Amino acid sequence: MKARVLVSGLTLMATLIAAGLVIEHGWLGDWLSEAWIDRAVRDRGLSGELLYLGVAGIATALALPRHVVSFLGGYAFGVGRGTVLALLGTEIGCAIAFFYARAIGRPLVGARLAARVQRVEEFLAGSPFWMTLLIRLLPVGNNFLTNLVAGVARVPARPFLLGSFLGYVPQTLVFALAGSGVDLGAATRILIAVLLFLVSGVIGARLYHRYRHGRTLGSDVDGALQEAAAEGREMTQQR
């Protein structure tokens, strides 16, 4: 058992180091850029869509920020298809990271979970779908680390992945819209982006207060929720 734990720990550590090096040195830069989209993806039909999905999934699994994937999805395919394909690519990356961590990381923690893993596990335990949804709706936390920690923790895969997919929608739409180049005018784009972020934040805040039952993910999440709740009250009063 000790050998298994050691191997799992070294493998997971090596993966994190490799992901960090890939992002730090920009080794995915040539693959996820507007030039690459123009060269290999745009106007390529189904093959271009599948190539985008594959690269987007791998890049997201390796901790590339999902807003980059969403922006390039909008740039390549427009708002509609770009949002859908960016969502699918991000979800693929989420699933890869989640199941990889579950297979490799679970033996590492054993019976004694690290504090962060235990906090996430307790937070998601009661209502995993709704709590995952609200985590994704709030503009806090780290997508890559959330995927890994949820995989290591005893969080059911189906509600976590479904909650993640639905929670990704608002921000994916915002960045796909930004990348699409739709002629809406700068002011209109900013207004749509602000409204989507506000709505998703307010929904997340309400879900948090309804389902958390005294659980917390930390002061940063609580602070973001307070701001979202205040903004939601202001929007309601203005109506």
Protein backbone atom coordinates (compact mmCIF):
# COMPACT_ATOMS: atom_id res chain seq x y z
CA MET A 1 0.00 0.00 0.00
CA LYS A 2 2.82 2.41 0.81
CA ALA A 3 4.40 1.78 -2.59
CA ARG A 4 1.08 2.50 -4.28
CA VAL A 5 0.68 5.74 -2.37
CA LEU A 6 4.24 6.79 -3.27
CA VAL A 7 3.73 6.03 -6.95
CA SER A 8 0.39 7.86 -7.00
CA GLY A 9 1.88 10.88 -5.26
CA LEU A 10 4.87 11.06 -7.59
CA THR A 11 2.67 10.63 -10.66
CA LEU A 12 0.26 13.35 -9.58
CA MET A 13 3.13 15.68 -8.69
CA ALA A 14 4.81 15.06 -12.04
CA THR A 15 1.52 15.81 -13.80
CA LEU A 16 1.11 19.12 -11.98
CA ILE A 17 4.71 20.10 -12.73
CA ALA A 18 4.28 19.20 -16.40
CA ALA A 19 1.04 21.19 -16.64
CA GLY A 20 2.73 24.18 -15.01
CA LEU A 21 5.65 24.03 -17.45
CA VAL A 22 3.32 23.79 -20.44
CA ILE A 23 1.39 26.89 -19.36
CA GLU A 24 4.43 28.85 -18.16
CA HIS A 25 6.45 28.36 -21.34
CA GLY A 26 3.48 28.77 -23.67
CA TRP A 27 3.97 25.42 -25.37
CA LEU A 28 0.28 25.41 -26.26
CA GLY A 29 0.49 28.93 -27.60
CA ASP A 30 0.91 27.85 -31.23
CA TRP A 31 -2.02 25.47 -30.86
CA LEU A 32 -4.49 27.81 -29.23
CA SER A 33 -4.17 31.12 -31.01
CA GLU A 34 -6.04 33.04 -33.65
CA ALA A 35 -3.36 32.12 -36.20
CA TRP A 36 -3.83 28.42 -35.47
CA ILE A 37 -7.62 28.81 -35.76
CA ASP A 38 -7.22 30.46 -39.17
CA ARG A 39 -4.74 27.83 -40.32
CA ALA A 40 -6.21 24.57 -39.05
CA VAL A 41 -9.76 25.01 -37.79
CA ARG A 42 -11.83 27.67 -39.54
CA ASP A 43 -13.73 26.59 -42.66
CA ARG A 44 -12.54 22.98 -42.18
CA GLY A 45 -15.98 21.57 -41.48
CA LEU A 46 -16.33 18.63 -39.12
CA SER A 47 -12.59 17.93 -39.05
CA GLY A 48 -11.91 21.46 -37.84
CA GLU A 49 -14.56 21.17 -35.12
CA LEU A 50 -13.17 17.85 -33.90
CA LEU A 51 -9.62 19.20 -33.90
CA TYR A 52 -10.75 22.22 -31.88
CA LEU A 53 -12.61 20.00 -29.40
CA GLY A 54 -9.60 17.73 -28.91
CA VAL A 55 -7.11 20.53 -28.38
CA ALA A 56 -9.55 22.50 -26.19
CA GLY A 57 -10.17 19.47 -24.00
CA ILE A 58 -6.49 18.69 -23.53
CA ALA A 59 -5.60 22.35 -22.94
CA THR A 60 -8.33 22.80 -20.34
CA ALA A 61 -7.29 19.58 -18.61
CA LEU A 62 -3.76 21.03 -18.44
CA ALA A 63 -5.01 24.18 -16.67
CA LEU A 64 -5.29 26.58 -19.59
CA PRO A 65 -7.90 29.19 -18.57
CA ARG A 66 -11.26 28.27 -20.07
CA HIS A 67 -11.95 31.85 -21.17
CA VAL A 68 -9.17 31.41 -23.79
CA VAL A 69 -10.92 28.32 -25.15
CA SER A 70 -14.25 30.17 -25.20
CA PHE A 71 -12.82 33.25 -26.93
CA LEU A 72 -11.25 31.14 -29.67
CA GLY A 73 -14.43 29.11 -30.04
CA GLY A 74 -16.33 32.32 -30.77
CA TYR A 75 -13.56 33.48 -33.08
CA ALA A 76 -13.62 30.24 -35.06
CA PHE A 77 -17.32 29.38 -35.22
CA GLY A 78 -19.35 32.43 -34.19
CA VAL A 79 -21.41 32.94 -31.06
CA GLY A 80 -23.82 30.00 -31.39
CA ARG A 81 -21.60 27.11 -32.48
CA GLY A 82 -18.63 28.65 -30.72
CA THR A 83 -20.41 28.64 -27.37
CA VAL A 84 -21.58 25.04 -27.79
CA LEU A 85 -18.18 23.75 -28.91
CA ALA A 86 -16.33 25.72 -26.24
CA LEU A 87 -18.68 24.26 -23.62
CA LEU A 88 -18.04 20.74 -24.89
CA GLY A 89 -14.27 21.30 -25.01
CA THR A 90 -14.22 22.72 -21.50
CA GLU A 91 -16.35 19.83 -20.23
CA ILE A 92 -14.01 17.32 -21.85
CA GLY A 93 -11.08 18.94 -20.05
CA CYS A 94 -13.02 18.94 -16.79
CA ALA A 95 -13.78 15.22 -17.14
CA ILE A 96 -10.18 14.35 -18.03
CA ALA A 97 -8.79 16.17 -14.99
CA PHE A 98 -11.52 14.81 -12.69
CA PHE A 99 -11.11 11.13 -13.62
CA TYR A 100 -7.32 11.39 -13.78
CA ALA A 101 -7.23 12.77 -10.25
CA ARG A 102 -9.70 10.09 -9.14
CA ALA A 103 -7.57 7.30 -10.56
CA ILE A 104 -4.17 8.66 -9.50
CA GLY A 105 -4.82 10.92 -6.54
CA ARG A 106 -7.29 8.94 -4.42
CA PRO A 107 -4.70 6.44 -3.10
CA LEU A 108 -2.48 9.36 -2.14
CA VAL A 109 -4.85 10.84 0.41
CA GLY A 110 -6.00 7.53 1.85
CA ALA A 111 -8.13 7.71 4.95
CA ARG A 112 -6.76 11.09 5.99
CA LEU A 113 -7.85 13.76 3.55
CA ALA A 114 -5.96 16.99 3.24
CA ALA A 115 -7.79 20.01 4.64
CA ARG A 116 -8.67 21.51 1.25
CA VAL A 117 -9.93 18.21 -0.15
CA GLN A 118 -11.97 17.55 2.95
CA ARG A 119 -13.53 21.03 2.80
CA VAL A 120 -14.61 20.53 -0.83
CA GLU A 121 -15.92 17.07 -0.06
CA GLU A 122 -18.01 18.34 2.85
CA PHE A 123 -19.21 21.33 0.84
CA LEU A 124 -20.43 19.22 -2.09
CA ALA A 125 -21.68 16.24 -0.10
CA GLY A 126 -25.26 17.30 0.60
CA SER A 127 -26.27 18.59 -2.85
CA PRO A 128 -23.39 17.86 -5.26
CA PHE A 129 -25.19 19.06 -8.38
CA TRP A 130 -26.39 22.40 -6.98
CA MET A 131 -23.20 23.13 -5.07
CA THR A 132 -21.06 22.38 -8.12
CA LEU A 133 -23.31 24.59 -10.22
CA LEU A 134 -22.91 27.53 -7.89
CA ILE A 135 -19.11 27.09 -7.71
CA ARG A 136 -18.96 27.33 -11.51
CA LEU A 137 -21.30 30.32 -11.62
CA LEU A 138 -19.19 32.36 -9.22
CA PRO A 139 -16.09 34.12 -10.63
CA VAL A 140 -13.89 32.72 -7.86
CA GLY A 141 -11.62 29.74 -7.45
CA ASN A 142 -9.52 27.87 -9.98
CA ASN A 143 -11.18 25.60 -12.54
CA PHE A 144 -8.20 23.23 -12.80
CA LEU A 145 -7.73 22.83 -9.04
CA THR A 146 -11.47 22.39 -8.51
CA ASN A 147 -11.48 19.53 -11.03
CA LEU A 148 -8.52 17.85 -9.35
CA VAL A 149 -9.79 18.28 -5.80
CA ALA A 150 -13.27 17.04 -6.71
CA GLY A 151 -11.72 14.01 -8.38
CA VAL A 152 -9.66 13.18 -5.32
CA ALA A 153 -12.60 13.77 -2.95
CA ARG A 154 -15.55 11.41 -2.76
CA VAL A 155 -17.76 13.54 -5.01
CA PRO A 156 -20.13 11.66 -7.40
CA ALA A 157 -18.99 12.11 -10.99
CA ARG A 158 -22.37 12.57 -12.70
CA PRO A 159 -23.75 15.53 -10.67
CA PHE A 160 -20.31 17.16 -10.59
CA LEU A 161 -19.88 17.01 -14.36
CA LEU A 162 -23.47 18.05 -15.10
CA GLY A 163 -23.32 20.94 -12.60
CA SER A 164 -20.01 22.03 -14.11
CA PHE A 165 -21.40 21.97 -17.65
CA LEU A 166 -24.42 24.13 -16.81
CA GLY A 167 -22.36 26.43 -14.61
CA TYR A 168 -19.88 27.06 -17.42
CA VAL A 169 -22.59 28.49 -19.70
CA PRO A 170 -22.65 32.21 -18.74
CA GLN A 171 -18.91 32.88 -18.84
CA THR A 172 -18.47 30.72 -21.95
CA LEU A 173 -21.12 32.77 -23.74
CA VAL A 174 -19.49 36.02 -22.65
CA PHE A 175 -16.06 35.13 -24.04
CA ALA A 176 -17.43 33.43 -27.16
CA LEU A 177 -19.33 36.64 -27.85
CA ALA A 178 -16.14 38.65 -27.36
CA GLY A 179 -14.22 36.40 -29.74
CA SER A 180 -16.90 36.21 -32.41
CA GLY A 181 -16.50 39.77 -33.61
CA VAL A 182 -20.26 40.23 -33.83
CA ASP A 183 -20.97 43.86 -34.65
CA LEU A 184 -22.93 44.84 -31.57
CA GLY A 185 -20.86 47.80 -30.57
CA ALA A 186 -18.48 47.99 -27.65
CA ALA A 187 -21.07 49.37 -25.23
CA THR A 188 -23.57 46.60 -26.03
CA ARG A 189 -20.95 43.89 -25.61
CA ILE A 190 -19.87 45.28 -22.27
CA LEU A 191 -23.49 45.55 -21.13
CA ILE A 192 -24.26 41.94 -22.09
CA ALA A 193 -21.10 40.70 -20.37
CA VAL A 194 -21.86 42.64 -17.18
CA LEU A 195 -25.47 41.43 -17.10
CA LEU A 196 -24.45 37.79 -17.61
CA PHE A 197 -21.84 37.98 -14.85
CA LEU A 198 -24.30 39.69 -12.51
CA VAL A 199 -27.06 37.19 -13.19
CA SER A 200 -24.77 34.20 -12.75
CA GLY A 201 -23.34 35.70 -9.55
CA VAL A 202 -26.79 36.36 -8.09
CA ILE A 203 -27.97 32.83 -8.96
CA GLY A 204 -24.83 31.40 -7.40
CA ALA A 205 -25.32 33.47 -4.25
CA ARG A 206 -28.90 32.31 -3.84
CA LEU A 207 -27.95 28.68 -4.38
CA TYR A 208 -25.13 29.05 -1.88
CA HIS A 209 -27.39 30.41 0.85
CA ARG A 210 -30.06 27.81 0.11
CA TYR A 211 -27.95 24.66 -0.03
CA ARG A 212 -24.74 25.24 1.92
CA HIS A 213 -26.27 24.48 5.38
CA GLY A 214 -23.44 26.14 7.28
CA ARG A 215 -20.67 24.87 4.99
CA THR A 216 -18.14 27.21 3.40
CA LEU A 217 -15.36 27.14 0.83
CA GLY A 218 -13.49 30.00 2.44
CA SER A 219 -13.52 33.76 2.92
CA ASP A 220 -12.95 34.52 -0.78
CA VAL A 221 -16.15 32.71 -1.78
CA ASP A 222 -18.13 34.30 1.08
CA GLY A 223 -16.87 37.74 0.05
CA ALA A 224 -17.84 37.18 -3.58
CA LEU A 225 -21.27 36.02 -2.48
CA GLN A 226 -21.83 39.12 -0.39
CA GLU A 227 -20.93 41.31 -3.35
CA ALA A 228 -23.20 39.31 -5.67
CA ALA A 229 -26.07 39.50 -3.20
CA ALA A 230 -25.64 43.28 -2.86
CA GLU A 231 -25.57 43.71 -6.64
CA GLY A 232 -28.68 41.54 -6.93
CA ARG A 233 -30.53 43.72 -4.42
CA GLU A 234 -29.52 46.85 -6.33
CA MET A 235 -30.79 45.37 -9.61
CA THR A 236 -34.09 44.45 -7.93
CA GLN A 237 -34.53 47.93 -6.45
CA GLN A 238 -33.81 49.60 -9.79
CA ARG A 239 -36.69 47.69 -11.35
